[in-house]
Amino acid sequence: MKVHTFEHGRYLLVLERGEDVLRSITSFAEKEDVGAASLQGIGAADFVRLGQYDFTVKDYRVVELRGTLEVVSLIGNISLKDGRPFTHAHLIVTNREGQAFGGHLLEGSTCSLTLEIEIKVLGAGLPRRVDPRFNLHVLY
């Protein structure tokens, strides 16, 4: 991963082939001590794991896709979960036929060629807490 630094807490991460998208973002946030940020990105992936939250079982149903995938939208934020940087992101990819698939970005999703992610630091850390109704860590 290459990191380009700009003024006012702005960064551009450039992921390379084989890098785990979620782990890369979180690793960057840990290294730079980022506790509150927004993020967006575009690029390409060859494997993605997407979660669709199921309220009836209070857990994610996982969809996995392999192949030539265009990342048309990666959007999310960085906050604090148990005092450590936590990345919450959603991803939309398209396949060669132009079909779109989206959901919550899960670990294991990998960059195929390049992935460009802009991160804007927002200031002090935003904490998350568990909402027992959904068994999810939410901002409060």
N, C-alpha and C. Protein backbone atom coordinates (compact mmCIF):
# COMPACT_ATOMS: atom_id res chain seq x y z
N MET A 1 0.84 -1.17 0.00
CA MET A 1 0.00 0.00 0.00
C MET A 1 0.89 1.24 0.00
N LYS A 2 0.53 2.17 -0.86
CA LYS A 2 1.20 3.46 -0.88
C LYS A 2 0.27 4.48 -0.22
N VAL A 3 0.85 5.39 0.54
CA VAL A 3 0.07 6.43 1.22
C VAL A 3 0.56 7.79 0.75
N HIS A 4 -0.36 8.58 0.23
CA HIS A 4 -0.06 9.96 -0.16
C HIS A 4 -0.73 10.86 0.88
N THR A 5 0.03 11.80 1.42
CA THR A 5 -0.47 12.68 2.47
C THR A 5 -0.68 14.08 1.91
N PHE A 6 -1.84 14.66 2.23
CA PHE A 6 -2.19 16.01 1.81
C PHE A 6 -2.50 16.84 3.05
N GLU A 7 -2.70 18.13 2.87
CA GLU A 7 -2.99 19.01 4.00
C GLU A 7 -4.38 18.74 4.57
N HIS A 8 -4.58 19.23 5.79
CA HIS A 8 -5.87 19.17 6.47
C HIS A 8 -6.36 17.74 6.70
N GLY A 9 -5.46 16.82 7.02
CA GLY A 9 -5.86 15.47 7.38
C GLY A 9 -6.45 14.65 6.25
N ARG A 10 -5.96 14.88 5.05
CA ARG A 10 -6.45 14.12 3.89
C ARG A 10 -5.35 13.18 3.41
N TYR A 11 -5.75 11.97 3.07
CA TYR A 11 -4.82 10.95 2.60
C TYR A 11 -5.40 10.23 1.39
N LEU A 12 -4.52 9.68 0.58
CA LEU A 12 -4.94 8.81 -0.51
C LEU A 12 -4.15 7.51 -0.35
N LEU A 13 -4.88 6.42 -0.12
CA LEU A 13 -4.26 5.10 -0.04
C LEU A 13 -4.37 4.46 -1.41
N VAL A 14 -3.30 3.88 -1.89
CA VAL A 14 -3.31 3.17 -3.16
C VAL A 14 -2.94 1.72 -2.87
N LEU A 15 -3.94 0.86 -2.93
CA LEU A 15 -3.71 -0.55 -2.66
C LEU A 15 -3.22 -1.24 -3.93
N GLU A 16 -2.47 -2.31 -3.72
CA GLU A 16 -1.92 -3.08 -4.83
C GLU A 16 -2.51 -4.48 -4.84
N ARG A 17 -2.26 -5.19 -5.91
CA ARG A 17 -2.78 -6.54 -6.12
C ARG A 17 -2.58 -7.42 -4.89
N GLY A 18 -3.66 -8.08 -4.49
CA GLY A 18 -3.61 -9.04 -3.40
C GLY A 18 -3.81 -8.48 -2.02
N GLU A 19 -3.82 -7.16 -1.87
CA GLU A 19 -3.98 -6.58 -0.54
C GLU A 19 -5.44 -6.66 -0.09
N ASP A 20 -5.63 -6.99 1.17
CA ASP A 20 -6.95 -7.05 1.78
C ASP A 20 -7.43 -5.62 2.01
N VAL A 21 -8.57 -5.28 1.45
CA VAL A 21 -9.06 -3.90 1.48
C VAL A 21 -9.34 -3.44 2.91
N LEU A 22 -10.14 -4.19 3.64
CA LEU A 22 -10.52 -3.79 4.99
C LEU A 22 -9.32 -3.75 5.93
N ARG A 23 -8.48 -4.75 5.87
CA ARG A 23 -7.29 -4.79 6.74
C ARG A 23 -6.35 -3.63 6.43
N SER A 24 -6.21 -3.28 5.15
CA SER A 24 -5.33 -2.17 4.77
C SER A 24 -5.81 -0.85 5.34
N ILE A 25 -7.11 -0.59 5.23
CA ILE A 25 -7.66 0.66 5.75
C ILE A 25 -7.48 0.72 7.27
N THR A 26 -7.83 -0.36 7.94
CA THR A 26 -7.73 -0.39 9.40
C THR A 26 -6.28 -0.29 9.87
N SER A 27 -5.37 -0.95 9.17
CA SER A 27 -3.95 -0.87 9.50
C SER A 27 -3.44 0.57 9.38
N PHE A 28 -3.84 1.25 8.31
CA PHE A 28 -3.48 2.65 8.13
C PHE A 28 -4.01 3.49 9.29
N ALA A 29 -5.29 3.28 9.65
CA ALA A 29 -5.91 4.05 10.73
C ALA A 29 -5.19 3.82 12.06
N GLU A 30 -4.79 2.59 12.31
CA GLU A 30 -4.06 2.29 13.54
C GLU A 30 -2.70 2.99 13.56
N LYS A 31 -2.00 2.91 12.44
CA LYS A 31 -0.67 3.53 12.35
C LYS A 31 -0.73 5.04 12.52
N GLU A 32 -1.74 5.67 11.92
CA GLU A 32 -1.88 7.13 11.96
C GLU A 32 -2.74 7.61 13.13
N ASP A 33 -3.21 6.70 13.96
CA ASP A 33 -4.05 7.03 15.11
C ASP A 33 -5.30 7.81 14.70
N VAL A 34 -5.98 7.29 13.68
CA VAL A 34 -7.21 7.92 13.18
C VAL A 34 -8.40 7.36 13.95
N GLY A 35 -9.16 8.24 14.58
CA GLY A 35 -10.32 7.80 15.35
C GLY A 35 -11.64 8.26 14.77
N ALA A 36 -11.59 9.13 13.76
CA ALA A 36 -12.81 9.60 13.11
C ALA A 36 -12.45 10.08 11.71
N ALA A 37 -13.03 9.44 10.70
CA ALA A 37 -12.73 9.81 9.31
C ALA A 37 -13.83 9.29 8.40
N SER A 38 -13.93 9.92 7.23
CA SER A 38 -14.79 9.40 6.18
C SER A 38 -13.88 8.84 5.09
N LEU A 39 -14.42 7.92 4.30
CA LEU A 39 -13.61 7.35 3.23
C LEU A 39 -14.46 7.05 2.01
N GLN A 40 -13.79 7.09 0.86
CA GLN A 40 -14.44 6.71 -0.40
C GLN A 40 -13.36 6.19 -1.33
N GLY A 41 -13.76 5.30 -2.25
CA GLY A 41 -12.76 4.76 -3.14
C GLY A 41 -13.34 4.14 -4.40
N ILE A 42 -12.43 3.91 -5.36
CA ILE A 42 -12.75 3.24 -6.62
C ILE A 42 -11.56 2.38 -7.01
N GLY A 43 -11.79 1.42 -7.89
CA GLY A 43 -10.69 0.58 -8.34
C GLY A 43 -11.18 -0.76 -8.85
N ALA A 44 -10.43 -1.82 -8.52
CA ALA A 44 -10.76 -3.15 -9.01
C ALA A 44 -10.45 -4.20 -7.95
N ALA A 45 -11.23 -5.27 -7.99
CA ALA A 45 -11.05 -6.38 -7.05
C ALA A 45 -11.17 -7.69 -7.81
N ASP A 46 -10.57 -8.74 -7.22
CA ASP A 46 -10.74 -10.05 -7.84
C ASP A 46 -11.49 -11.01 -6.93
N PHE A 47 -11.70 -10.61 -5.68
CA PHE A 47 -12.49 -11.39 -4.73
C PHE A 47 -13.09 -10.45 -3.71
N VAL A 48 -14.38 -10.55 -3.49
CA VAL A 48 -15.02 -9.72 -2.47
C VAL A 48 -15.94 -10.58 -1.60
N ARG A 49 -15.97 -10.20 -0.34
CA ARG A 49 -16.90 -10.77 0.62
C ARG A 49 -17.80 -9.63 1.08
N LEU A 50 -19.09 -9.78 0.80
CA LEU A 50 -20.07 -8.77 1.14
C LEU A 50 -21.04 -9.32 2.16
N GLY A 51 -21.37 -8.51 3.15
CA GLY A 51 -22.32 -8.92 4.16
C GLY A 51 -23.65 -8.21 3.98
N GLN A 52 -24.71 -8.97 4.13
CA GLN A 52 -26.06 -8.42 4.14
C GLN A 52 -26.61 -8.71 5.53
N TYR A 53 -26.86 -7.68 6.33
CA TYR A 53 -27.29 -7.90 7.71
C TYR A 53 -28.71 -8.45 7.74
N ASP A 54 -28.90 -9.53 8.48
CA ASP A 54 -30.20 -10.17 8.64
C ASP A 54 -30.68 -9.91 10.06
N PHE A 55 -31.70 -9.08 10.19
CA PHE A 55 -32.20 -8.70 11.51
C PHE A 55 -32.85 -9.86 12.25
N THR A 56 -33.32 -10.86 11.54
CA THR A 56 -33.98 -11.99 12.20
C THR A 56 -32.99 -12.85 12.97
N VAL A 57 -31.75 -12.97 12.48
CA VAL A 57 -30.73 -13.78 13.18
C VAL A 57 -29.63 -12.92 13.80
N LYS A 58 -29.73 -11.60 13.60
CA LYS A 58 -28.76 -10.63 14.13
C LYS A 58 -27.33 -10.97 13.74
N ASP A 59 -27.16 -11.24 12.45
CA ASP A 59 -25.83 -11.54 11.93
C ASP A 59 -25.84 -11.31 10.42
N TYR A 60 -24.65 -11.34 9.84
CA TYR A 60 -24.52 -11.11 8.40
C TYR A 60 -24.67 -12.40 7.60
N ARG A 61 -25.37 -12.30 6.49
CA ARG A 61 -25.36 -13.35 5.48
C ARG A 61 -24.26 -12.92 4.51
N VAL A 62 -23.37 -13.84 4.18
CA VAL A 62 -22.19 -13.50 3.39
C VAL A 62 -22.36 -13.94 1.94
N VAL A 63 -22.03 -13.02 1.04
CA VAL A 63 -22.01 -13.30 -0.40
C VAL A 63 -20.56 -13.14 -0.85
N GLU A 64 -20.03 -14.13 -1.56
CA GLU A 64 -18.66 -14.05 -2.07
C GLU A 64 -18.68 -14.04 -3.58
N LEU A 65 -17.87 -13.16 -4.16
CA LEU A 65 -17.78 -13.04 -5.61
C LEU A 65 -16.32 -13.10 -6.03
N ARG A 66 -16.06 -13.81 -7.12
CA ARG A 66 -14.72 -13.92 -7.69
C ARG A 66 -14.76 -13.52 -9.15
N GLY A 67 -13.63 -13.01 -9.63
CA GLY A 67 -13.54 -12.67 -11.05
C GLY A 67 -13.04 -11.27 -11.25
N THR A 68 -13.28 -10.76 -12.44
CA THR A 68 -12.90 -9.39 -12.77
C THR A 68 -14.02 -8.48 -12.28
N LEU A 69 -13.75 -7.75 -11.20
CA LEU A 69 -14.77 -6.92 -10.56
C LEU A 69 -14.31 -5.47 -10.52
N GLU A 70 -15.17 -4.60 -10.98
CA GLU A 70 -14.91 -3.16 -10.94
C GLU A 70 -15.50 -2.61 -9.65
N VAL A 71 -14.69 -1.92 -8.86
CA VAL A 71 -15.19 -1.28 -7.66
C VAL A 71 -15.73 0.08 -8.08
N VAL A 72 -17.04 0.19 -8.17
CA VAL A 72 -17.65 1.44 -8.60
C VAL A 72 -17.94 2.37 -7.43
N SER A 73 -17.98 1.81 -6.22
CA SER A 73 -18.17 2.66 -5.05
C SER A 73 -17.74 1.93 -3.79
N LEU A 74 -16.86 2.56 -3.07
CA LEU A 74 -16.47 2.14 -1.72
C LEU A 74 -16.69 3.37 -0.86
N ILE A 75 -17.52 3.25 0.14
CA ILE A 75 -17.83 4.41 0.98
C ILE A 75 -17.98 3.95 2.42
N GLY A 76 -17.53 4.79 3.35
CA GLY A 76 -17.65 4.40 4.74
C GLY A 76 -17.00 5.38 5.68
N ASN A 77 -16.69 4.87 6.89
CA ASN A 77 -16.07 5.72 7.88
C ASN A 77 -15.13 4.92 8.77
N ILE A 78 -14.34 5.65 9.52
CA ILE A 78 -13.48 5.07 10.53
C ILE A 78 -13.90 5.69 11.85
N SER A 79 -14.07 4.85 12.85
CA SER A 79 -14.46 5.30 14.18
C SER A 79 -13.69 4.46 15.19
N LEU A 80 -14.10 4.50 16.45
CA LEU A 80 -13.42 3.73 17.49
C LEU A 80 -14.34 2.65 18.04
N LYS A 81 -13.84 1.44 18.05
CA LYS A 81 -14.56 0.31 18.64
C LYS A 81 -13.65 -0.26 19.72
N ASP A 82 -14.11 -0.24 20.96
CA ASP A 82 -13.29 -0.67 22.09
C ASP A 82 -11.97 0.09 22.13
N GLY A 83 -12.01 1.39 21.76
CA GLY A 83 -10.84 2.25 21.83
C GLY A 83 -9.86 2.12 20.69
N ARG A 84 -10.15 1.27 19.71
CA ARG A 84 -9.24 1.06 18.57
C ARG A 84 -9.94 1.44 17.27
N PRO A 85 -9.16 1.88 16.25
CA PRO A 85 -9.77 2.23 14.97
C PRO A 85 -10.56 1.06 14.37
N PHE A 86 -11.74 1.39 13.87
CA PHE A 86 -12.66 0.41 13.29
C PHE A 86 -13.18 0.97 11.97
N THR A 87 -13.09 0.17 10.92
CA THR A 87 -13.56 0.59 9.60
C THR A 87 -14.93 0.00 9.32
N HIS A 88 -15.88 0.87 9.00
CA HIS A 88 -17.22 0.45 8.58
C HIS A 88 -17.41 0.95 7.16
N ALA A 89 -17.47 0.01 6.21
CA ALA A 89 -17.57 0.42 4.81
C ALA A 89 -18.53 -0.47 4.03
N HIS A 90 -19.11 0.13 3.01
CA HIS A 90 -19.97 -0.60 2.08
C HIS A 90 -19.33 -0.52 0.70
N LEU A 91 -19.58 -1.54 -0.09
CA LEU A 91 -18.91 -1.70 -1.38
C LEU A 91 -19.93 -2.08 -2.44
N ILE A 92 -19.79 -1.46 -3.62
CA ILE A 92 -20.56 -1.89 -4.79
C ILE A 92 -19.55 -2.24 -5.87
N VAL A 93 -19.70 -3.45 -6.43
CA VAL A 93 -18.85 -3.90 -7.52
C VAL A 93 -19.73 -4.33 -8.69
N THR A 94 -19.15 -4.27 -9.89
CA THR A 94 -19.83 -4.80 -11.07
C THR A 94 -18.96 -5.87 -11.70
N ASN A 95 -19.62 -6.85 -12.33
CA ASN A 95 -18.88 -7.89 -13.03
C ASN A 95 -18.79 -7.55 -14.52
N ARG A 96 -18.25 -8.46 -15.32
CA ARG A 96 -18.06 -8.20 -16.76
C ARG A 96 -19.37 -7.97 -17.49
N GLU A 97 -20.45 -8.51 -16.96
CA GLU A 97 -21.76 -8.34 -17.60
C GLU A 97 -22.46 -7.05 -17.14
N GLY A 98 -21.82 -6.32 -16.24
CA GLY A 98 -22.39 -5.07 -15.75
C GLY A 98 -23.36 -5.25 -14.60
N GLN A 99 -23.47 -6.46 -14.08
CA GLN A 99 -24.34 -6.69 -12.93
C GLN A 99 -23.68 -6.10 -11.69
N ALA A 100 -24.48 -5.44 -10.87
CA ALA A 100 -23.95 -4.81 -9.67
C ALA A 100 -24.31 -5.63 -8.43
N PHE A 101 -23.38 -5.66 -7.49
CA PHE A 101 -23.56 -6.34 -6.23
C PHE A 101 -23.03 -5.42 -5.13
N GLY A 102 -23.73 -5.36 -4.03
CA GLY A 102 -23.28 -4.48 -2.97
C GLY A 102 -23.57 -5.02 -1.60
N GLY A 103 -22.91 -4.43 -0.62
CA GLY A 103 -23.13 -4.81 0.76
C GLY A 103 -22.03 -4.29 1.66
N HIS A 104 -22.05 -4.78 2.87
CA HIS A 104 -21.07 -4.43 3.88
C HIS A 104 -19.74 -5.09 3.52
N LEU A 105 -18.67 -4.32 3.47
CA LEU A 105 -17.34 -4.85 3.14
C LEU A 105 -16.83 -5.72 4.29
N LEU A 106 -16.45 -6.95 3.95
CA LEU A 106 -15.92 -7.88 4.96
C LEU A 106 -14.46 -8.19 4.67
N GLU A 107 -13.76 -8.64 5.74
CA GLU A 107 -12.36 -9.04 5.59
C GLU A 107 -12.23 -10.15 4.55
N GLY A 108 -11.12 -10.13 3.84
CA GLY A 108 -10.87 -11.13 2.82
C GLY A 108 -11.07 -10.60 1.41
N SER A 109 -11.71 -9.45 1.27
CA SER A 109 -11.89 -8.82 -0.05
C SER A 109 -10.55 -8.28 -0.51
N THR A 110 -10.14 -8.63 -1.74
CA THR A 110 -8.80 -8.27 -2.19
C THR A 110 -8.79 -7.44 -3.47
N CYS A 111 -7.83 -6.55 -3.51
CA CYS A 111 -7.58 -5.70 -4.67
C CYS A 111 -7.00 -6.55 -5.79
N SER A 112 -7.41 -6.30 -7.05
CA SER A 112 -6.86 -7.06 -8.17
C SER A 112 -5.79 -6.27 -8.92
N LEU A 113 -6.02 -5.02 -9.18
CA LEU A 113 -5.07 -4.20 -9.94
C LEU A 113 -4.65 -3.00 -9.13
N THR A 114 -5.62 -2.19 -8.75
CA THR A 114 -5.38 -1.03 -7.90
C THR A 114 -6.69 -0.64 -7.25
N LEU A 115 -6.59 0.00 -6.12
CA LEU A 115 -7.75 0.53 -5.43
C LEU A 115 -7.31 1.83 -4.78
N GLU A 116 -8.00 2.92 -5.12
CA GLU A 116 -7.65 4.25 -4.64
C GLU A 116 -8.67 4.68 -3.61
N ILE A 117 -8.21 4.93 -2.38
CA ILE A 117 -9.12 5.23 -1.29
C ILE A 117 -8.74 6.58 -0.67
N GLU A 118 -9.66 7.52 -0.73
CA GLU A 118 -9.45 8.83 -0.12
C GLU A 118 -9.98 8.79 1.31
N ILE A 119 -9.16 9.24 2.25
CA ILE A 119 -9.55 9.30 3.65
C ILE A 119 -9.46 10.74 4.13
N LYS A 120 -10.55 11.21 4.74
CA LYS A 120 -10.60 12.56 5.30
C LYS A 120 -10.78 12.44 6.81
N VAL A 121 -9.77 12.86 7.56
CA VAL A 121 -9.85 12.82 9.02
C VAL A 121 -10.81 13.91 9.48
N LEU A 122 -11.72 13.54 10.38
CA LEU A 122 -12.76 14.46 10.82
C LEU A 122 -12.47 15.12 12.16
N GLY A 123 -11.53 14.61 12.91
CA GLY A 123 -11.22 15.19 14.22
C GLY A 123 -11.11 14.11 15.27
N ALA A 124 -11.62 14.42 16.45
CA ALA A 124 -11.53 13.49 17.58
C ALA A 124 -12.27 12.19 17.28
N GLY A 125 -11.94 11.17 18.03
CA GLY A 125 -12.52 9.85 17.81
C GLY A 125 -14.02 9.79 18.04
N LEU A 126 -14.67 9.01 17.20
CA LEU A 126 -16.09 8.74 17.34
C LEU A 126 -16.25 7.33 17.90
N PRO A 127 -16.80 7.19 19.11
CA PRO A 127 -16.92 5.84 19.69
C PRO A 127 -18.15 5.09 19.20
N ARG A 128 -18.03 3.77 19.19
CA ARG A 128 -19.14 2.88 18.89
C ARG A 128 -19.48 2.08 20.14
N ARG A 129 -20.72 1.69 20.25
CA ARG A 129 -21.13 0.83 21.35
C ARG A 129 -22.08 -0.23 20.79
N VAL A 130 -22.23 -1.31 21.52
CA VAL A 130 -23.12 -2.38 21.08
C VAL A 130 -24.57 -1.98 21.33
N ASP A 131 -25.37 -2.09 20.28
CA ASP A 131 -26.81 -1.92 20.41
C ASP A 131 -27.39 -3.33 20.54
N PRO A 132 -27.86 -3.70 21.73
CA PRO A 132 -28.31 -5.08 21.95
C PRO A 132 -29.51 -5.49 21.09
N ARG A 133 -30.26 -4.52 20.60
CA ARG A 133 -31.40 -4.87 19.73
C ARG A 133 -30.94 -5.54 18.45
N PHE A 134 -29.73 -5.15 17.97
CA PHE A 134 -29.26 -5.66 16.69
C PHE A 134 -27.95 -6.44 16.78
N ASN A 135 -27.34 -6.43 17.97
CA ASN A 135 -26.03 -7.07 18.16
C ASN A 135 -24.98 -6.44 17.24
N LEU A 136 -25.05 -5.12 17.09
CA LEU A 136 -24.12 -4.38 16.23
C LEU A 136 -23.48 -3.24 17.02
N HIS A 137 -22.22 -2.93 16.68
CA HIS A 137 -21.56 -1.75 17.22
C HIS A 137 -22.00 -0.55 16.39
N VAL A 138 -22.69 0.39 17.01
CA VAL A 138 -23.18 1.56 16.29
C VAL A 138 -22.59 2.84 16.88
N LEU A 139 -22.57 3.89 16.07
CA LEU A 139 -22.13 5.19 16.57
C LEU A 139 -23.16 5.73 17.54
N TYR A 140 -22.68 6.46 18.52
CA TYR A 140 -23.63 7.10 19.45
C TYR A 140 -23.14 8.46 19.84
